[in-house]
Amino acid sequence: MRRAGLLTGQTLEALREAVRPGVSTAELDALAEDQIRSGGGVPSFLGYSVPPYPGSICASVNDVVVHGVPGDVVLAEGDVISIDCGAIVDGWHGDSAITVTVGEVDPAVTRLSDVTREAMWAGIAAARPGGRVGDISAAVEDHVRSSGDYGIVEDFTGHGIGTAMHLPPDVPNVRRAGRGPRLEPGLALAVEPMVTLGGIAWTEDDDQWTIRTADGSVAAHWEHTFTLTEHGAWVLTALDGGEADLARLGVPFGPLGD
């Protein structure tokens, strides 16, 4: 899973560098597929579910919360794009998402992305052996609520991950501290808050994938796959394994290898 996570993280870094005005989401999707296959992996998303997902990434621009289908949308100055990416290596999955601003954007949008990313890390930091999945959920919500008047999209959640991209348990983004399955070393989870500048209601496009805010407000989405070891947390999709961010949060870093 670390190999799959590294490939996912490396692909997202290449995509981050490629985001600029004039680039289409289809071009980003083609870059992602090339990066994943060149790295010895298979795109997790391509052909997933019913109807089969048509891309290697989800490219969610502005009011799109999640599952934005890549296509002819061309990025413009002031846009924001959330890119969700997954790779399979030797049957094991990595899953991660970043939000990237395009040129100069409204400071409120930059802050939204920062709060969402911080909430993801707060959730990871709350995971302890012997704790509960709900402790992650509570930490995510508490960080968002304490940061301003934001909407947390409740109908889409994080999840378990391993030999399939989506496995039990669900990891909600709203609080239920002390509840849910117990956290044990070896359990791998994807934590992925989706936060808006407005409400939490959503609509689905005719493609049966793209999810938008019902009020047209901007959304952000951040995600990492992590696991707990006997020594601490290990963020499998972070290039440094999460060492820097975990140290900042006072969480033991527990890698099992490079």
Protein backbone atom coordinates (compact mmCIF):
# COMPACT_ATOMS: atom_id res chain seq x y z
CA MET A 1 0.00 0.00 0.00
CA ARG A 2 2.92 2.36 0.59
CA ARG A 3 4.02 1.81 -3.02
CA ALA A 4 0.51 2.55 -4.26
CA GLY A 5 0.29 5.56 -1.97
CA LEU A 6 3.62 6.97 -3.12
CA LEU A 7 2.62 6.62 -6.75
CA THR A 8 -0.66 8.38 -6.01
CA GLY A 9 1.13 11.18 -4.17
CA GLN A 10 3.73 11.60 -6.90
CA THR A 11 0.99 11.77 -9.52
CA LEU A 12 -0.83 14.47 -7.58
CA GLU A 13 2.38 16.50 -7.31
CA ALA A 14 2.77 16.34 -11.10
CA LEU A 15 -0.84 17.44 -11.48
CA ARG A 16 -0.40 20.30 -9.01
CA GLU A 17 2.48 21.62 -11.11
CA ALA A 18 0.41 21.28 -14.30
CA VAL A 19 -2.55 23.33 -13.04
CA ARG A 20 -2.65 26.74 -14.72
CA PRO A 21 -5.06 28.88 -16.73
CA GLY A 22 -5.75 27.35 -20.14
CA VAL A 23 -5.27 23.71 -19.11
CA SER A 24 -8.28 21.44 -19.55
CA THR A 25 -9.34 18.79 -17.07
CA ALA A 26 -8.99 16.21 -19.88
CA GLU A 27 -5.32 17.16 -20.21
CA LEU A 28 -4.84 16.70 -16.48
CA ASP A 29 -6.56 13.32 -16.69
CA ALA A 30 -4.25 12.18 -19.51
CA LEU A 31 -1.21 13.28 -17.50
CA ALA A 32 -2.44 11.33 -14.48
CA GLU A 33 -3.00 8.12 -16.42
CA ASP A 34 0.46 8.39 -17.98
CA GLN A 35 2.10 9.00 -14.59
CA ILE A 36 0.31 6.08 -12.96
CA ARG A 37 0.99 3.59 -15.74
CA SER A 38 4.60 4.75 -16.14
CA GLY A 39 5.07 4.14 -12.42
CA GLY A 40 3.89 0.54 -12.68
CA GLY A 41 0.36 1.09 -11.48
CA VAL A 42 -3.20 1.03 -12.76
CA PRO A 43 -5.64 3.94 -12.29
CA SER A 44 -8.10 3.01 -9.55
CA PHE A 45 -10.88 5.21 -10.83
CA LEU A 46 -10.95 4.30 -14.52
CA GLY A 47 -13.94 2.02 -15.15
CA TYR A 48 -14.97 2.03 -11.49
CA SER A 49 -18.57 1.20 -10.52
CA VAL A 50 -21.76 1.68 -12.58
CA PRO A 51 -21.92 3.60 -14.81
CA PRO A 52 -18.18 2.98 -15.33
CA TYR A 53 -16.22 6.07 -14.32
CA PRO A 54 -14.60 7.48 -17.49
CA GLY A 55 -11.45 9.07 -16.05
CA SER A 56 -8.29 8.39 -14.07
CA ILE A 57 -8.91 11.38 -11.79
CA CYS A 58 -11.86 13.29 -10.43
CA ALA A 59 -11.44 16.93 -11.47
CA SER A 60 -13.87 19.02 -9.42
CA VAL A 61 -13.85 22.71 -10.38
CA ASN A 62 -15.33 25.53 -8.27
CA ASP A 63 -18.83 24.42 -7.16
CA VAL A 64 -18.16 20.75 -7.87
CA VAL A 65 -17.75 18.98 -4.54
CA VAL A 66 -16.48 15.59 -5.71
CA HIS A 67 -16.46 13.14 -8.65
CA GLY A 68 -16.05 15.81 -11.31
CA VAL A 69 -15.66 13.98 -14.63
CA PRO A 70 -12.64 15.28 -16.59
CA GLY A 71 -13.43 16.67 -20.02
CA ASP A 72 -13.51 19.93 -21.92
CA VAL A 73 -13.59 22.27 -18.90
CA VAL A 74 -10.68 24.71 -19.29
CA LEU A 75 -9.25 26.22 -16.13
CA ALA A 76 -9.29 30.01 -15.83
CA GLU A 77 -7.65 32.53 -13.52
CA GLY A 78 -9.47 32.52 -10.19
CA ASP A 79 -10.74 28.94 -10.40
CA VAL A 80 -10.15 26.29 -7.79
CA ILE A 81 -9.88 22.59 -8.63
CA SER A 82 -9.98 19.56 -6.34
CA ILE A 83 -8.16 16.59 -7.85
CA ASP A 84 -8.86 13.12 -6.48
CA CYS A 85 -6.53 10.35 -7.64
CA GLY A 86 -6.04 6.67 -6.99
CA ALA A 87 -3.54 4.03 -8.06
CA ILE A 88 -3.36 0.26 -7.73
CA VAL A 89 0.02 -1.45 -7.34
CA ASP A 90 0.16 -5.24 -7.05
CA GLY A 91 -3.52 -5.30 -6.09
CA TRP A 92 -3.25 -2.66 -3.34
CA HIS A 93 -4.83 0.80 -3.47
CA GLY A 94 -3.77 4.35 -2.70
CA ASP A 95 -6.30 7.21 -2.65
CA SER A 96 -5.64 10.91 -2.12
CA ALA A 97 -6.99 14.35 -3.07
CA ILE A 98 -5.68 17.91 -3.15
CA THR A 99 -7.27 21.28 -3.82
CA VAL A 100 -5.32 23.67 -6.03
CA THR A 101 -6.02 27.34 -6.74
CA VAL A 102 -5.57 28.64 -10.28
CA GLY A 103 -3.65 31.90 -10.27
CA GLU A 104 -4.99 34.67 -8.04
CA VAL A 105 -8.18 33.65 -6.21
CA ASP A 106 -10.49 35.14 -3.62
CA PRO A 107 -8.76 34.91 -0.20
CA ALA A 108 -11.90 33.23 1.16
CA VAL A 109 -11.34 30.35 -1.27
CA THR A 110 -7.71 29.98 -0.21
CA ARG A 111 -8.83 29.92 3.40
CA LEU A 112 -11.50 27.31 2.61
CA SER A 113 -8.86 25.02 1.13
CA ASP A 114 -6.55 25.57 4.11
CA VAL A 115 -9.30 24.78 6.61
CA THR A 116 -10.25 21.61 4.73
CA ARG A 117 -6.63 20.42 4.59
CA GLU A 118 -6.13 21.20 8.28
CA ALA A 119 -9.31 19.30 9.15
CA MET A 120 -8.01 16.24 7.29
CA TRP A 121 -4.80 16.35 9.33
CA ALA A 122 -6.74 16.90 12.55
CA GLY A 123 -8.70 13.73 11.80
CA ILE A 124 -5.55 11.72 11.15
CA ALA A 125 -3.96 13.10 14.34
CA ALA A 126 -6.98 11.97 16.38
CA ALA A 127 -6.52 8.31 15.38
CA ARG A 128 -5.00 6.23 18.17
CA PRO A 129 -4.88 2.45 18.70
CA GLY A 130 -7.80 1.60 20.95
CA GLY A 131 -9.77 4.66 19.87
CA ARG A 132 -12.77 4.73 17.58
CA VAL A 133 -13.37 5.77 14.00
CA GLY A 134 -15.76 8.40 15.38
CA ASP A 135 -12.82 10.16 17.04
CA ILE A 136 -11.52 10.98 13.55
CA SER A 137 -14.95 12.28 12.53
CA ALA A 138 -15.24 14.47 15.62
CA ALA A 139 -11.79 15.99 15.08
CA VAL A 140 -12.58 16.83 11.46
CA GLU A 141 -15.84 18.53 12.38
CA ASP A 142 -14.42 20.35 15.38
CA HIS A 143 -11.66 21.90 13.32
CA VAL A 144 -14.02 23.08 10.58
CA ARG A 145 -16.61 24.45 13.04
CA SER A 146 -13.96 26.33 15.02
CA SER A 147 -12.54 27.90 11.85
CA GLY A 148 -15.60 29.76 10.55
CA ASP A 149 -19.02 29.44 8.95
CA TYR A 150 -18.45 26.55 6.56
CA GLY A 151 -20.60 23.70 5.30
CA ILE A 152 -19.43 20.11 5.81
CA VAL A 153 -20.89 17.85 3.14
CA GLU A 154 -22.20 14.93 5.20
CA ASP A 155 -23.38 12.49 2.53
CA PHE A 156 -19.88 11.66 1.26
CA THR A 157 -17.37 10.15 3.64
CA GLY A 158 -13.93 8.68 4.03
CA HIS A 159 -13.57 4.92 4.03
CA GLY A 160 -11.50 1.87 4.65
CA ILE A 161 -9.09 0.92 1.88
CA GLY A 162 -6.81 -1.98 0.99
CA THR A 163 -7.27 -4.58 -1.74
CA ALA A 164 -10.32 -2.56 -2.82
CA MET A 165 -10.63 1.20 -3.03
CA HIS A 166 -13.71 1.38 -0.82
CA LEU A 167 -13.98 -0.94 2.17
CA PRO A 168 -15.68 -0.72 5.57
CA PRO A 169 -15.70 1.25 7.75
CA ASP A 170 -17.07 4.57 6.57
CA VAL A 171 -15.28 7.58 8.06
CA PRO A 172 -17.86 10.38 8.39
CA ASN A 173 -16.81 14.03 8.54
CA VAL A 174 -19.21 14.98 11.32
CA ARG A 175 -18.76 14.16 14.96
CA ARG A 176 -19.56 10.94 16.73
CA ALA A 177 -16.64 10.74 19.18
CA GLY A 178 -16.21 7.42 20.94
CA ARG A 179 -18.39 5.60 18.43
CA GLY A 180 -17.73 3.36 15.46
CA PRO A 181 -15.28 0.49 14.92
CA ARG A 182 -12.23 0.34 17.11
CA LEU A 183 -8.92 1.55 15.66
CA GLU A 184 -6.20 -1.08 15.58
CA PRO A 185 -2.70 -1.25 14.06
CA GLY A 186 -2.92 -2.33 10.43
CA LEU A 187 -6.30 -0.73 9.73
CA ALA A 188 -5.97 1.54 6.68
CA LEU A 189 -8.36 4.46 6.25
CA ALA A 190 -8.88 7.33 3.84
CA VAL A 191 -9.83 10.59 5.57
CA GLU A 192 -11.43 13.09 3.18
CA PRO A 193 -13.37 16.14 4.32
CA MET A 194 -15.39 18.02 1.70
CA VAL A 195 -16.18 21.56 2.84
CA THR A 196 -18.05 24.45 1.21
CA LEU A 197 -18.36 28.21 1.53
CA GLY A 198 -22.13 27.75 1.68
CA GLY A 199 -24.61 24.98 2.37
CA ILE A 200 -24.32 21.20 2.36
CA ALA A 201 -27.11 20.32 -0.09
CA TRP A 202 -25.93 18.95 -3.43
CA THR A 203 -27.12 17.99 -6.90
CA GLU A 204 -25.91 15.36 -9.35
CA ASP A 205 -25.24 16.06 -13.04
CA ASP A 206 -26.72 13.95 -15.82
CA ASP A 207 -23.41 12.05 -16.08
CA GLN A 208 -24.44 10.34 -12.79
CA TRP A 209 -21.09 11.23 -11.23
CA THR A 210 -20.47 14.96 -10.88
CA ILE A 211 -21.68 16.31 -7.52
CA ARG A 212 -22.23 20.08 -7.17
CA THR A 213 -23.25 22.33 -4.32
CA ALA A 214 -26.95 23.12 -4.67
CA ASP A 215 -26.35 26.80 -3.89
CA GLY A 216 -23.40 27.18 -6.28
CA SER A 217 -20.89 27.81 -3.49
CA VAL A 218 -17.24 26.84 -3.89
CA ALA A 219 -16.08 23.53 -2.40
CA ALA A 220 -12.72 22.07 -1.34
CA HIS A 221 -11.67 18.44 -0.89
CA TRP A 222 -8.52 17.01 0.70
CA GLU A 223 -7.73 13.34 1.32
CA HIS A 224 -4.94 11.08 2.52
CA THR A 225 -4.73 7.33 3.06
CA PHE A 226 -3.08 6.41 6.36
CA THR A 227 -2.57 3.47 8.65
CA LEU A 228 -1.69 2.94 12.28
CA THR A 229 1.33 0.87 13.23
CA GLU A 230 2.60 -0.21 16.64
CA HIS A 231 4.78 2.92 16.60
CA GLY A 232 2.38 5.62 15.42
CA ALA A 233 0.67 6.90 12.28
CA TRP A 234 1.96 6.41 8.73
CA VAL A 235 0.39 8.46 5.93
CA LEU A 236 0.76 6.19 2.94
CA THR A 237 -0.05 8.80 0.27
CA ALA A 238 2.17 11.57 1.66
CA LEU A 239 5.60 11.70 0.03
CA ASP A 240 7.31 11.96 3.45
CA GLY A 241 4.90 9.50 5.04
CA GLY A 242 3.34 12.41 6.89
CA GLU A 243 6.39 12.91 9.10
CA ALA A 244 6.44 16.74 8.98
CA ASP A 245 2.72 17.27 9.56
CA LEU A 246 2.51 14.60 12.25
CA ALA A 247 5.45 16.18 14.09
CA ARG A 248 3.72 19.58 13.91
CA LEU A 249 0.64 17.99 15.51
CA GLY A 250 2.61 16.05 18.13
CA VAL A 251 1.67 12.66 16.72
CA PRO A 252 4.20 9.76 16.72
CA PHE A 253 5.45 8.87 13.25
CA GLY A 254 5.35 5.10 12.72
CA PRO A 255 6.63 3.99 9.32
CA LEU A 256 7.33 0.33 8.61
CA GLY A 257 9.82 1.17 5.86
CA ASP A 258 10.79 3.89 3.40
